[in-house]
Amino acid sequence: MEHRLVDDNGRYTICGAGFSEKRKIDFDVYWETCGNFYKEYNISKDAFNSFKFSNGFNTGDVMIIFRAEPKDIKIGDVIVFKSYRPDPIIHRVIQVRNTEIGIRIKTKGDHNSNSGPDENSIDEESIVGRAVFRVPLLGYVKITFVKIISLIKGG
């Protein structure tokens, strides 16, 4: 959910768009680059800007998650959910549908160009919780220890 350009072998990308040089990504540049996707879901620039974490969050940030009832989750919320991958995913809700078999949620990572196949119909049982607070940089403690342990193990 980072709102910064990622170096992809000399091509700096966000939302599938490439730039030849690294540049600052503020909200206006983010929306100019990524906003068309959200417009397809009737999410305006003003609406997105009012969402919690509208400027994203970064590697190393610790997100505080609280359990959320699926009926209380709304467009713009950042949720954590389980998928076929071993680690949970944290992405923004772009659609909530009530179906005959329960609530179904669609998400998208703010940095990604599109929703992944496991994000199109998230069921109620897969939802872990909703992000409510961000602690910048604290996660680097864990990241550093994981790297150290990996080096010790020869990885």
C-alpha atoms as a PDB file:
ATOM      1  CA  MET A   1       0.000   0.000   0.000  1.00  0.00           C
ATOM      2  CA  GLU A   2       3.003   2.204  -0.437  1.00  0.00           C
ATOM      3  CA  HIS A   3       2.489   5.421  -2.339  1.00  0.00           C
ATOM      4  CA  ARG A   4       6.026   5.664  -3.609  1.00  0.00           C
ATOM      5  CA  LEU A   5       7.758   4.636  -6.775  1.00  0.00           C
ATOM      6  CA  VAL A   6       9.384   1.225  -6.659  1.00  0.00           C
ATOM      7  CA  ASP A   7      12.602   0.621  -8.585  1.00  0.00           C
ATOM      8  CA  ASP A   8      11.851  -2.181 -11.036  1.00  0.00           C
ATOM      9  CA  ASN A   9      15.233  -2.603 -12.763  1.00  0.00           C
ATOM     10  CA  GLY A  10      15.667   1.078 -13.521  1.00  0.00           C
ATOM     11  CA  ARG A  11      11.979   1.676 -14.252  1.00  0.00           C
ATOM     12  CA  TYR A  12      10.123   3.339 -11.392  1.00  0.00           C
ATOM     13  CA  THR A  13       6.535   2.127 -11.108  1.00  0.00           C
ATOM     14  CA  ILE A  14       3.276   2.694  -9.278  1.00  0.00           C
ATOM     15  CA  CYS A  15      -0.138   1.301 -10.254  1.00  0.00           C
ATOM     16  CA  GLY A  16       1.442  -0.252 -13.344  1.00  0.00           C
ATOM     17  CA  ALA A  17       2.602   3.128 -14.674  1.00  0.00           C
ATOM     18  CA  GLY A  18       6.297   3.563 -15.294  1.00  0.00           C
ATOM     19  CA  PHE A  19       8.471   6.620 -14.862  1.00  0.00           C
ATOM     20  CA  SER A  20      12.002   7.025 -16.187  1.00  0.00           C
ATOM     21  CA  GLU A  21      13.179   8.766 -13.039  1.00  0.00           C
ATOM     22  CA  LYS A  22      12.394   8.622  -9.369  1.00  0.00           C
ATOM     23  CA  ARG A  23      10.045  11.389  -8.265  1.00  0.00           C
ATOM     24  CA  LYS A  24       8.050  12.365  -5.222  1.00  0.00           C
ATOM     25  CA  ILE A  25       4.588  10.880  -5.033  1.00  0.00           C
ATOM     26  CA  ASP A  26       2.229  13.154  -3.143  1.00  0.00           C
ATOM     27  CA  PHE A  27      -1.509  12.546  -3.127  1.00  0.00           C
ATOM     28  CA  ASP A  28      -2.148  14.563  -6.309  1.00  0.00           C
ATOM     29  CA  VAL A  29       0.499  12.646  -8.284  1.00  0.00           C
ATOM     30  CA  TYR A  30      -0.802   9.374  -6.834  1.00  0.00           C
ATOM     31  CA  TRP A  31      -4.357  10.180  -7.914  1.00  0.00           C
ATOM     32  CA  GLU A  32      -3.241  11.379 -11.355  1.00  0.00           C
ATOM     33  CA  THR A  33      -1.454   8.055 -11.856  1.00  0.00           C
ATOM     34  CA  CYS A  34      -3.782   5.630 -10.085  1.00  0.00           C
ATOM     35  CA  GLY A  35      -7.162   7.355  -9.888  1.00  0.00           C
ATOM     36  CA  ASN A  36      -8.750   5.978 -13.063  1.00  0.00           C
ATOM     37  CA  PHE A  37      -8.996   2.531 -11.512  1.00  0.00           C
ATOM     38  CA  TYR A  38     -10.944   3.871  -8.529  1.00  0.00           C
ATOM     39  CA  LYS A  39     -13.222   5.965 -10.739  1.00  0.00           C
ATOM     40  CA  GLU A  40     -14.470   2.686 -12.255  1.00  0.00           C
ATOM     41  CA  TYR A  41     -15.786   1.881  -8.762  1.00  0.00           C
ATOM     42  CA  ASN A  42     -17.338   5.341  -8.312  1.00  0.00           C
ATOM     43  CA  ILE A  43     -14.634   6.388  -5.869  1.00  0.00           C
ATOM     44  CA  SER A  44     -13.800  10.036  -6.427  1.00  0.00           C
ATOM     45  CA  LYS A  45     -10.565  11.814  -5.579  1.00  0.00           C
ATOM     46  CA  ASP A  46     -12.263  13.608  -2.681  1.00  0.00           C
ATOM     47  CA  ALA A  47     -13.742  10.367  -1.350  1.00  0.00           C
ATOM     48  CA  PHE A  48     -10.380   8.578  -1.569  1.00  0.00           C
ATOM     49  CA  ASN A  49      -8.619  11.494   0.101  1.00  0.00           C
ATOM     50  CA  SER A  50     -11.051  11.204   3.033  1.00  0.00           C
ATOM     51  CA  PHE A  51     -10.216   7.515   3.574  1.00  0.00           C
ATOM     52  CA  LYS A  52      -8.039   6.461   6.490  1.00  0.00           C
ATOM     53  CA  PHE A  53      -4.444   5.961   5.258  1.00  0.00           C
ATOM     54  CA  SER A  54      -5.237   7.804   2.009  1.00  0.00           C
ATOM     55  CA  ASN A  55      -1.501   8.469   1.665  1.00  0.00           C
ATOM     56  CA  GLY A  56      -0.759   4.767   2.146  1.00  0.00           C
ATOM     57  CA  PHE A  57       1.727   3.287   4.551  1.00  0.00           C
ATOM     58  CA  ASN A  58       5.237   1.978   4.144  1.00  0.00           C
ATOM     59  CA  THR A  59       7.383  -1.050   4.643  1.00  0.00           C
ATOM     60  CA  GLY A  60       8.402  -0.983   8.280  1.00  0.00           C
ATOM     61  CA  ASP A  61       5.161   0.551   9.511  1.00  0.00           C
ATOM     62  CA  VAL A  62       3.253  -1.492  12.077  1.00  0.00           C
ATOM     63  CA  MET A  63      -0.476  -1.487  11.466  1.00  0.00           C
ATOM     64  CA  ILE A  64      -2.769  -1.874  14.455  1.00  0.00           C
ATOM     65  CA  ILE A  65      -5.636  -4.177  13.488  1.00  0.00           C
ATOM     66  CA  PHE A  66      -8.960  -4.641  15.271  1.00  0.00           C
ATOM     67  CA  ARG A  67     -11.535  -7.304  14.573  1.00  0.00           C
ATOM     68  CA  ALA A  68     -14.305  -5.918  12.374  1.00  0.00           C
ATOM     69  CA  GLU A  69     -17.725  -7.317  11.721  1.00  0.00           C
ATOM     70  CA  PRO A  70     -18.105  -7.792   7.954  1.00  0.00           C
ATOM     71  CA  LYS A  71     -21.363  -5.808   8.006  1.00  0.00           C
ATOM     72  CA  ASP A  72     -19.416  -2.816   9.393  1.00  0.00           C
ATOM     73  CA  ILE A  73     -16.696  -2.816   6.709  1.00  0.00           C
ATOM     74  CA  LYS A  74     -17.088  -0.086   4.133  1.00  0.00           C
ATOM     75  CA  ILE A  75     -15.442   1.153   0.968  1.00  0.00           C
ATOM     76  CA  GLY A  76     -12.111   2.810   1.754  1.00  0.00           C
ATOM     77  CA  ASP A  77     -11.364   0.695   4.829  1.00  0.00           C
ATOM     78  CA  VAL A  78      -8.013  -1.072   4.927  1.00  0.00           C
ATOM     79  CA  ILE A  79      -8.518  -4.706   5.905  1.00  0.00           C
ATOM     80  CA  VAL A  80      -6.399  -7.750   6.576  1.00  0.00           C
ATOM     81  CA  PHE A  81      -7.652 -11.003   5.098  1.00  0.00           C
ATOM     82  CA  LYS A  82      -6.541 -14.581   4.508  1.00  0.00           C
ATOM     83  CA  SER A  83      -6.112 -15.939   0.999  1.00  0.00           C
ATOM     84  CA  TYR A  84      -4.405 -18.907  -0.600  1.00  0.00           C
ATOM     85  CA  ARG A  85      -1.046 -17.321   0.258  1.00  0.00           C
ATOM     86  CA  PRO A  86       0.638 -18.228   3.566  1.00  0.00           C
ATOM     87  CA  ASP A  87       0.732 -14.636   4.864  1.00  0.00           C
ATOM     88  CA  PRO A  88      -2.330 -12.441   5.352  1.00  0.00           C
ATOM     89  CA  ILE A  89      -2.878  -9.584   2.904  1.00  0.00           C
ATOM     90  CA  ILE A  90      -3.581  -5.959   3.842  1.00  0.00           C
ATOM     91  CA  HIS A  91      -5.396  -3.969   1.144  1.00  0.00           C
ATOM     92  CA  ARG A  92      -8.066  -1.302   0.684  1.00  0.00           C
ATOM     93  CA  VAL A  93     -11.763  -2.174   0.223  1.00  0.00           C
ATOM     94  CA  ILE A  94     -13.096  -0.928  -3.111  1.00  0.00           C
ATOM     95  CA  GLN A  95     -16.411  -2.786  -3.202  1.00  0.00           C
ATOM     96  CA  VAL A  96     -18.813  -4.390  -0.715  1.00  0.00           C
ATOM     97  CA  ARG A  97     -21.589  -6.640  -2.030  1.00  0.00           C
ATOM     98  CA  ASN A  98     -24.434  -8.293  -0.153  1.00  0.00           C
ATOM     99  CA  THR A  99     -25.158 -11.652  -1.743  1.00  0.00           C
ATOM    100  CA  GLU A 100     -27.486 -14.523  -0.923  1.00  0.00           C
ATOM    101  CA  ILE A 101     -24.514 -16.316   0.665  1.00  0.00           C
ATOM    102  CA  GLY A 102     -23.267 -13.342   2.672  1.00  0.00           C
ATOM    103  CA  ILE A 103     -21.104 -10.277   2.284  1.00  0.00           C
ATOM    104  CA  ARG A 104     -18.418 -10.346  -0.405  1.00  0.00           C
ATOM    105  CA  ILE A 105     -15.614  -7.794  -0.455  1.00  0.00           C
ATOM    106  CA  LYS A 106     -13.253  -6.709  -3.222  1.00  0.00           C
ATOM    107  CA  THR A 107      -9.922  -5.065  -2.398  1.00  0.00           C
ATOM    108  CA  LYS A 108      -6.931  -3.566  -4.167  1.00  0.00           C
ATOM    109  CA  GLY A 109      -3.478  -2.694  -2.945  1.00  0.00           C
ATOM    110  CA  ASP A 110      -3.012   1.030  -3.445  1.00  0.00           C
ATOM    111  CA  HIS A 111       0.300   0.469  -5.236  1.00  0.00           C
ATOM    112  CA  ASN A 112      -0.985  -2.340  -7.466  1.00  0.00           C
ATOM    113  CA  SER A 113      -2.366  -1.787 -10.948  1.00  0.00           C
ATOM    114  CA  ASN A 114      -5.390  -4.018 -10.333  1.00  0.00           C
ATOM    115  CA  SER A 115      -7.012  -6.387  -7.865  1.00  0.00           C
ATOM    116  CA  GLY A 116      -5.499  -9.845  -7.633  1.00  0.00           C
ATOM    117  CA  PRO A 117      -7.581 -12.973  -8.260  1.00  0.00           C
ATOM    118  CA  ASP A 118      -7.847 -13.646  -4.519  1.00  0.00           C
ATOM    119  CA  GLU A 119      -9.252 -10.148  -3.881  1.00  0.00           C
ATOM    120  CA  ASN A 120     -12.404 -10.234  -5.983  1.00  0.00           C
ATOM    121  CA  SER A 121     -14.759 -12.052  -3.636  1.00  0.00           C
ATOM    122  CA  ILE A 122     -13.428 -12.164  -0.085  1.00  0.00           C
ATOM    123  CA  ASP A 123     -15.872 -13.969   2.178  1.00  0.00           C
ATOM    124  CA  GLU A 124     -16.697 -13.066   5.770  1.00  0.00           C
ATOM    125  CA  GLU A 125     -14.661 -15.929   7.240  1.00  0.00           C
ATOM    126  CA  SER A 126     -11.470 -14.732   5.537  1.00  0.00           C
ATOM    127  CA  ILE A 127     -11.522 -11.280   7.118  1.00  0.00           C
ATOM    128  CA  VAL A 128      -9.024 -10.922   9.974  1.00  0.00           C
ATOM    129  CA  GLY A 129      -9.728  -7.280  10.826  1.00  0.00           C
ATOM    130  CA  ARG A 130      -9.553  -3.613   9.914  1.00  0.00           C
ATOM    131  CA  ALA A 131      -6.480  -1.367  10.187  1.00  0.00           C
ATOM    132  CA  VAL A 132      -7.181   1.487  12.588  1.00  0.00           C
ATOM    133  CA  PHE A 133      -3.778   2.947  13.412  1.00  0.00           C
ATOM    134  CA  ARG A 134      -0.251   3.081  11.985  1.00  0.00           C
ATOM    135  CA  VAL A 135       3.022   3.162  13.930  1.00  0.00           C
ATOM    136  CA  PRO A 136       5.690   4.357  11.474  1.00  0.00           C
ATOM    137  CA  LEU A 137       9.034   2.514  11.281  1.00  0.00           C
ATOM    138  CA  LEU A 138       8.519   0.206  14.297  1.00  0.00           C
ATOM    139  CA  GLY A 139       8.352  -2.836  12.019  1.00  0.00           C
ATOM    140  CA  TYR A 140      11.973  -2.353  11.000  1.00  0.00           C
ATOM    141  CA  VAL A 141      12.930  -3.935  14.326  1.00  0.00           C
ATOM    142  CA  LYS A 142      11.333  -7.202  13.187  1.00  0.00           C
ATOM    143  CA  ILE A 143      12.620  -6.857   9.623  1.00  0.00           C
ATOM    144  CA  THR A 144      16.178  -6.403  10.922  1.00  0.00           C
ATOM    145  CA  PHE A 145      15.960  -9.464  13.208  1.00  0.00           C
ATOM    146  CA  VAL A 146      14.540 -11.609  10.401  1.00  0.00           C
ATOM    147  CA  LYS A 147      17.458 -10.586   8.158  1.00  0.00           C
ATOM    148  CA  ILE A 148      19.973 -11.332  10.912  1.00  0.00           C
ATOM    149  CA  ILE A 149      18.459 -14.760  11.567  1.00  0.00           C
ATOM    150  CA  SER A 150      18.465 -15.475   7.843  1.00  0.00           C
ATOM    151  CA  LEU A 151      22.165 -14.591   7.633  1.00  0.00           C
ATOM    152  CA  ILE A 152      22.977 -16.773  10.651  1.00  0.00           C
ATOM    153  CA  LYS A 153      21.137 -19.706   9.061  1.00  0.00           C
ATOM    154  CA  GLY A 154      23.115 -19.174   5.867  1.00  0.00           C
ATOM    155  CA  GLY A 155      20.313 -17.694   3.786  1.00  0.00           C
END
